[in-house]
Amino acid sequence: MKRTTNDNESMPPWEEAPEAPQKITAAEASAAAAVIPGKGPIPGSANRERPSADTSPATGNDPETAAGKTSGKGRTRWQPSQMGYRWVVRNVSFLLFLASLAVIYIYNGHYADKISRDLNRTNKELKELQYEYKTLKSEVMFRSKESELAKAVEPFGLKELTSPPFVLIDSAQK
C-alpha cells in the first residue's frame, strides 16, 4: 500500500518523506559561492569568467549541468547545518540507542577479556595442584612400601617378624 503525503504524521521517523529542496537561480548560486560566511567575498570572484548560456548540453559545458542543476529546473540549496541539526534532533533516541550499544559492546569485550584471564589463571593453578597431588601421592606410595616402613620404625626398636604369626585360641569358649 502506497502512503500519501497526508499519512506523514503516522509514519515512523525512518520512513519520513524527504523535504523538498529549495530552488535558487544561477545568480544566487554564484553569489552564494563567492561569499564565505563571516569572511566576506572571495577576492577575484567577481572577475571570474562565466560560461555563456548558449553552450550546448551535449558538450558537457552547460553551466546548469556543470553547476549541479537538474535539467534546467534550478540548483538545489543545501543547508548542512540546518539539515544536520534537524536530522540529529529527530534521531536523538536512535543515536542514544547506538551509543548505548557501543558502550555495551565495549563492556562486553572487556568482560570477555577478564573472564579469559581468570580462566587461564585458574587453569594454571589447577595444573600446579595436579602436579603437587601426583608428587605427594607417589611419595606416600613410596613410603608405604614394606621395606621403607621397616627402615622408618627401626629407630623405635621395632623389627620385622621372621616367623609366621600364630593364632591365639581362648580355652574358656569350649
C-alpha atoms as a PDB file:
ATOM      1  CA  MET A   1       0.000   0.000   0.000  1.00  0.00           C
ATOM      2  CA  LYS A   2       1.463   3.355  -1.001  1.00  0.00           C
ATOM      3  CA  ARG A   3       1.493   6.182   1.509  1.00  0.00           C
ATOM      4  CA  THR A   4       0.236   9.578   0.652  1.00  0.00           C
ATOM      5  CA  THR A   5       1.581  12.874   1.926  1.00  0.00           C
ATOM      6  CA  ASN A   6      -1.317  13.049   4.411  1.00  0.00           C
ATOM      7  CA  ASP A   7      -0.004   9.960   6.206  1.00  0.00           C
ATOM      8  CA  ASN A   8       3.253  11.706   7.265  1.00  0.00           C
ATOM      9  CA  GLU A   9       2.133  12.054  10.897  1.00  0.00           C
ATOM     10  CA  SER A  10       1.715   8.282  11.281  1.00  0.00           C
ATOM     11  CA  MET A  11       4.989   7.382   9.547  1.00  0.00           C
ATOM     12  CA  PRO A  12       7.951   6.319  11.686  1.00  0.00           C
ATOM     13  CA  PRO A  13      10.975   8.668  11.539  1.00  0.00           C
ATOM     14  CA  TRP A  14      12.996   6.351   9.299  1.00  0.00           C
ATOM     15  CA  GLU A  15      10.217   6.342   6.673  1.00  0.00           C
ATOM     16  CA  GLU A  16       9.511  10.085   6.599  1.00  0.00           C
ATOM     17  CA  ALA A  17       9.277  11.673   3.205  1.00  0.00           C
ATOM     18  CA  PRO A  18      12.275  13.909   2.461  1.00  0.00           C
ATOM     19  CA  GLU A  19      11.727  17.645   2.474  1.00  0.00           C
ATOM     20  CA  ALA A  20      11.571  19.341  -0.902  1.00  0.00           C
ATOM     21  CA  PRO A  21      14.837  21.202  -1.651  1.00  0.00           C
ATOM     22  CA  GLN A  22      14.691  24.939  -2.146  1.00  0.00           C
ATOM     23  CA  LYS A  23      15.269  26.213  -5.675  1.00  0.00           C
ATOM     24  CA  ILE A  24      17.607  29.121  -6.351  1.00  0.00           C
ATOM     25  CA  THR A  25      18.671  30.867  -9.503  1.00  0.00           C
ATOM     26  CA  ALA A  26      22.106  30.669 -11.057  1.00  0.00           C
ATOM     27  CA  ALA A  27      22.852  34.254  -9.994  1.00  0.00           C
ATOM     28  CA  GLU A  28      22.035  33.463  -6.363  1.00  0.00           C
ATOM     29  CA  ALA A  29      24.187  30.332  -6.533  1.00  0.00           C
ATOM     30  CA  SER A  30      27.213  32.172  -7.884  1.00  0.00           C
ATOM     31  CA  ALA A  31      26.759  34.975  -5.343  1.00  0.00           C
ATOM     32  CA  ALA A  32      26.490  32.446  -2.513  1.00  0.00           C
ATOM     33  CA  ALA A  33      29.551  30.573  -3.765  1.00  0.00           C
ATOM     34  CA  ALA A  34      31.592  33.764  -3.829  1.00  0.00           C
ATOM     35  CA  VAL A  35      30.981  34.541  -0.139  1.00  0.00           C
ATOM     36  CA  ILE A  36      32.460  32.607   2.762  1.00  0.00           C
ATOM     37  CA  PRO A  37      30.288  33.055   5.859  1.00  0.00           C
ATOM     38  CA  GLY A  38      31.901  35.518   8.227  1.00  0.00           C
ATOM     39  CA  LYS A  39      34.766  36.364   5.864  1.00  0.00           C
ATOM     40  CA  GLY A  40      33.162  38.392   3.100  1.00  0.00           C
ATOM     41  CA  PRO A  41      33.546  37.865  -0.634  1.00  0.00           C
ATOM     42  CA  ILE A  42      36.363  35.774  -2.062  1.00  0.00           C
ATOM     43  CA  PRO A  43      38.941  38.001  -3.757  1.00  0.00           C
ATOM     44  CA  GLY A  44      38.695  37.798  -7.520  1.00  0.00           C
ATOM     45  CA  SER A  45      35.356  36.030  -7.501  1.00  0.00           C
ATOM     46  CA  ALA A  46      33.592  38.954  -9.179  1.00  0.00           C
ATOM     47  CA  ASN A  47      36.127  38.940 -12.044  1.00  0.00           C
ATOM     48  CA  ARG A  48      35.790  35.268 -12.888  1.00  0.00           C
ATOM     49  CA  GLU A  49      34.619  34.423 -16.325  1.00  0.00           C
ATOM     50  CA  ARG A  50      31.200  32.867 -16.521  1.00  0.00           C
ATOM     51  CA  PRO A  51      30.422  30.398 -19.250  1.00  0.00           C
ATOM     52  CA  SER A  52      27.986  31.628 -21.809  1.00  0.00           C
ATOM     53  CA  ALA A  53      24.395  30.451 -21.527  1.00  0.00           C
ATOM     54  CA  ASP A  54      24.336  29.278 -25.156  1.00  0.00           C
ATOM     55  CA  THR A  55      26.723  26.344 -24.703  1.00  0.00           C
ATOM     56  CA  SER A  56      25.197  23.035 -25.638  1.00  0.00           C
ATOM     57  CA  PRO A  57      24.439  20.270 -23.109  1.00  0.00           C
ATOM     58  CA  ALA A  58      25.898  17.699 -25.491  1.00  0.00           C
ATOM     59  CA  THR A  59      29.425  19.050 -24.946  1.00  0.00           C
ATOM     60  CA  GLY A  60      29.130  18.938 -21.178  1.00  0.00           C
ATOM     61  CA  ASN A  61      29.972  22.631 -20.899  1.00  0.00           C
ATOM     62  CA  ASP A  62      26.426  23.604 -19.973  1.00  0.00           C
ATOM     63  CA  PRO A  63      26.611  25.901 -16.930  1.00  0.00           C
ATOM     64  CA  GLU A  64      23.463  24.402 -15.409  1.00  0.00           C
ATOM     65  CA  THR A  65      24.579  20.760 -15.608  1.00  0.00           C
ATOM     66  CA  ALA A  66      28.152  21.602 -14.635  1.00  0.00           C
ATOM     67  CA  ALA A  67      26.960  23.545 -11.568  1.00  0.00           C
ATOM     68  CA  GLY A  68      24.740  20.722 -10.322  1.00  0.00           C
ATOM     69  CA  LYS A  69      21.333  21.808 -11.619  1.00  0.00           C
ATOM     70  CA  THR A  70      18.969  19.158 -12.771  1.00  0.00           C
ATOM     71  CA  SER A  71      17.854  19.632 -16.352  1.00  0.00           C
ATOM     72  CA  GLY A  72      17.318  23.402 -16.220  1.00  0.00           C
ATOM     73  CA  LYS A  73      14.981  23.489 -13.208  1.00  0.00           C
ATOM     74  CA  GLY A  74      17.425  25.407 -10.984  1.00  0.00           C
ATOM     75  CA  ARG A  75      20.056  24.454  -8.450  1.00  0.00           C
ATOM     76  CA  THR A  76      19.033  22.942  -5.137  1.00  0.00           C
ATOM     77  CA  ARG A  77      20.184  24.705  -1.991  1.00  0.00           C
ATOM     78  CA  TRP A  78      21.947  22.583   0.567  1.00  0.00           C
ATOM     79  CA  GLN A  79      21.969  23.750   4.160  1.00  0.00           C
ATOM     80  CA  PRO A  80      24.288  21.427   6.024  1.00  0.00           C
ATOM     81  CA  SER A  81      23.902  22.950   9.475  1.00  0.00           C
ATOM     82  CA  GLN A  82      20.090  23.079   9.431  1.00  0.00           C
ATOM     83  CA  MET A  83      19.612  19.673   7.825  1.00  0.00           C
ATOM     84  CA  GLY A  84      22.215  18.094  10.114  1.00  0.00           C
ATOM     85  CA  TYR A  85      20.714  19.688  13.214  1.00  0.00           C
ATOM     86  CA  ARG A  86      17.187  18.666  12.275  1.00  0.00           C
ATOM     87  CA  TRP A  87      18.317  15.138  11.492  1.00  0.00           C
ATOM     88  CA  VAL A  88      20.146  14.852  14.798  1.00  0.00           C
ATOM     89  CA  VAL A  89      17.166  16.227  16.739  1.00  0.00           C
ATOM     90  CA  ARG A  90      14.782  13.832  15.014  1.00  0.00           C
ATOM     91  CA  ASN A  91      17.059  10.864  15.636  1.00  0.00           C
ATOM     92  CA  VAL A  92      18.295  11.581  19.163  1.00  0.00           C
ATOM     93  CA  SER A  93      16.685   8.457  20.573  1.00  0.00           C
ATOM     94  CA  PHE A  94      18.217   6.297  17.842  1.00  0.00           C
ATOM     95  CA  LEU A  95      21.638   7.909  18.344  1.00  0.00           C
ATOM     96  CA  LEU A  96      21.389   7.300  22.093  1.00  0.00           C
ATOM     97  CA  PHE A  97      20.459   3.697  21.346  1.00  0.00           C
ATOM     98  CA  LEU A  98      23.548   3.358  19.119  1.00  0.00           C
ATOM     99  CA  ALA A  99      25.727   4.954  21.801  1.00  0.00           C
ATOM    100  CA  SER A 100      24.389   2.547  24.422  1.00  0.00           C
ATOM    101  CA  LEU A 101      25.053  -0.380  22.066  1.00  0.00           C
ATOM    102  CA  ALA A 102      28.622   0.856  21.622  1.00  0.00           C
ATOM    103  CA  VAL A 103      29.085   1.066  25.405  1.00  0.00           C
ATOM    104  CA  ILE A 104      27.645  -2.422  25.863  1.00  0.00           C
ATOM    105  CA  TYR A 105      29.899  -3.728  23.078  1.00  0.00           C
ATOM    106  CA  ILE A 106      32.991  -2.237  24.731  1.00  0.00           C
ATOM    107  CA  TYR A 107      31.942  -3.540  28.154  1.00  0.00           C
ATOM    108  CA  ASN A 108      31.337  -6.986  26.693  1.00  0.00           C
ATOM    109  CA  GLY A 109      34.835  -7.030  25.186  1.00  0.00           C
ATOM    110  CA  HIS A 110      36.441  -6.046  28.495  1.00  0.00           C
ATOM    111  CA  TYR A 111      34.325  -8.572  30.393  1.00  0.00           C
ATOM    112  CA  ALA A 112      35.306 -11.348  27.954  1.00  0.00           C
ATOM    113  CA  ASP A 113      39.000 -10.449  28.374  1.00  0.00           C
ATOM    114  CA  LYS A 114      38.635 -10.542  32.166  1.00  0.00           C
ATOM    115  CA  ILE A 115      36.887 -13.919  32.066  1.00  0.00           C
ATOM    116  CA  SER A 116      39.584 -15.269  29.743  1.00  0.00           C
ATOM    117  CA  ARG A 117      42.359 -14.080  32.083  1.00  0.00           C
ATOM    118  CA  ASP A 118      40.594 -15.601  35.100  1.00  0.00           C
ATOM    119  CA  LEU A 119      40.103 -18.870  33.234  1.00  0.00           C
ATOM    120  CA  ASN A 120      43.794 -19.028  32.265  1.00  0.00           C
ATOM    121  CA  ARG A 121      44.856 -18.245  35.858  1.00  0.00           C
ATOM    122  CA  THR A 122      42.531 -20.935  37.232  1.00  0.00           C
ATOM    123  CA  ASN A 123      43.831 -23.483  34.701  1.00  0.00           C
ATOM    124  CA  LYS A 124      47.441 -22.742  35.763  1.00  0.00           C
ATOM    125  CA  GLU A 125      46.521 -23.161  39.438  1.00  0.00           C
ATOM    126  CA  LEU A 126      44.716 -26.417  38.637  1.00  0.00           C
ATOM    127  CA  LYS A 127      47.766 -27.808  36.808  1.00  0.00           C
ATOM    128  CA  GLU A 128      50.045 -26.846  39.708  1.00  0.00           C
ATOM    129  CA  LEU A 129      47.696 -28.561  42.166  1.00  0.00           C
ATOM    130  CA  GLN A 130      47.538 -31.661  39.950  1.00  0.00           C
ATOM    131  CA  TYR A 131      51.355 -31.812  39.858  1.00  0.00           C
ATOM    132  CA  GLU A 132      51.512 -31.403  43.644  1.00  0.00           C
ATOM    133  CA  TYR A 133      48.875 -34.139  44.104  1.00  0.00           C
ATOM    134  CA  LYS A 134      50.776 -36.556  41.876  1.00  0.00           C
ATOM    135  CA  THR A 135      54.046 -35.798  43.657  1.00  0.00           C
ATOM    136  CA  LEU A 136      52.542 -36.330  47.108  1.00  0.00           C
ATOM    137  CA  LYS A 137      50.732 -39.479  46.009  1.00  0.00           C
ATOM    138  CA  SER A 138      53.925 -41.025  44.646  1.00  0.00           C
ATOM    139  CA  GLU A 139      55.791 -40.077  47.841  1.00  0.00           C
ATOM    140  CA  VAL A 140      53.083 -41.705  50.007  1.00  0.00           C
ATOM    141  CA  MET A 141      53.141 -44.824  47.825  1.00  0.00           C
ATOM    142  CA  PHE A 142      56.938 -44.999  48.143  1.00  0.00           C
ATOM    143  CA  ARG A 143      56.896 -44.552  51.941  1.00  0.00           C
ATOM    144  CA  SER A 144      54.116 -47.116  52.417  1.00  0.00           C
ATOM    145  CA  LYS A 145      56.176 -49.951  50.918  1.00  0.00           C
ATOM    146  CA  GLU A 146      57.097 -52.673  53.447  1.00  0.00           C
ATOM    147  CA  SER A 147      60.847 -52.137  53.165  1.00  0.00           C
ATOM    148  CA  GLU A 148      60.533 -48.371  53.658  1.00  0.00           C
ATOM    149  CA  LEU A 149      58.241 -48.865  56.695  1.00  0.00           C
ATOM    150  CA  ALA A 150      60.803 -51.209  58.268  1.00  0.00           C
ATOM    151  CA  LYS A 151      63.540 -48.595  57.845  1.00  0.00           C
ATOM    152  CA  ALA A 152      61.268 -45.896  59.315  1.00  0.00           C
ATOM    153  CA  VAL A 153      60.360 -47.849  62.519  1.00  0.00           C
ATOM    154  CA  GLU A 154      63.815 -49.372  63.201  1.00  0.00           C
ATOM    155  CA  PRO A 155      64.939 -46.413  65.385  1.00  0.00           C
ATOM    156  CA  PHE A 156      61.993 -47.151  67.709  1.00  0.00           C
ATOM    157  CA  GLY A 157      63.160 -50.710  68.267  1.00  0.00           C
ATOM    158  CA  LEU A 158      60.551 -52.370  66.118  1.00  0.00           C
ATOM    159  CA  LYS A 159      61.717 -55.153  63.844  1.00  0.00           C
ATOM    160  CA  GLU A 160      60.177 -57.147  61.038  1.00  0.00           C
ATOM    161  CA  LEU A 161      58.805 -60.603  62.007  1.00  0.00           C
ATOM    162  CA  THR A 162      60.824 -63.525  60.789  1.00  0.00           C
ATOM    163  CA  SER A 163      58.453 -66.255  61.997  1.00  0.00           C
ATOM    164  CA  PRO A 164      54.877 -66.529  60.824  1.00  0.00           C
ATOM    165  CA  PRO A 165      52.197 -65.282  63.207  1.00  0.00           C
ATOM    166  CA  PHE A 166      50.165 -67.784  65.215  1.00  0.00           C
ATOM    167  CA  VAL A 167      46.511 -67.692  66.257  1.00  0.00           C
ATOM    168  CA  LEU A 168      45.571 -67.405  69.910  1.00  0.00           C
ATOM    169  CA  ILE A 169      42.618 -69.514  70.942  1.00  0.00           C
ATOM    170  CA  ASP A 170      40.531 -68.800  74.003  1.00  0.00           C
ATOM    171  CA  SER A 171      40.293 -72.025  76.100  1.00  0.00           C
ATOM    172  CA  ALA A 172      37.233 -70.864  78.003  1.00  0.00           C
ATOM    173  CA  GLN A 173      34.983 -70.934  74.966  1.00  0.00           C
ATOM    174  CA  LYS A 174      34.809 -74.688  74.620  1.00  0.00           C
END
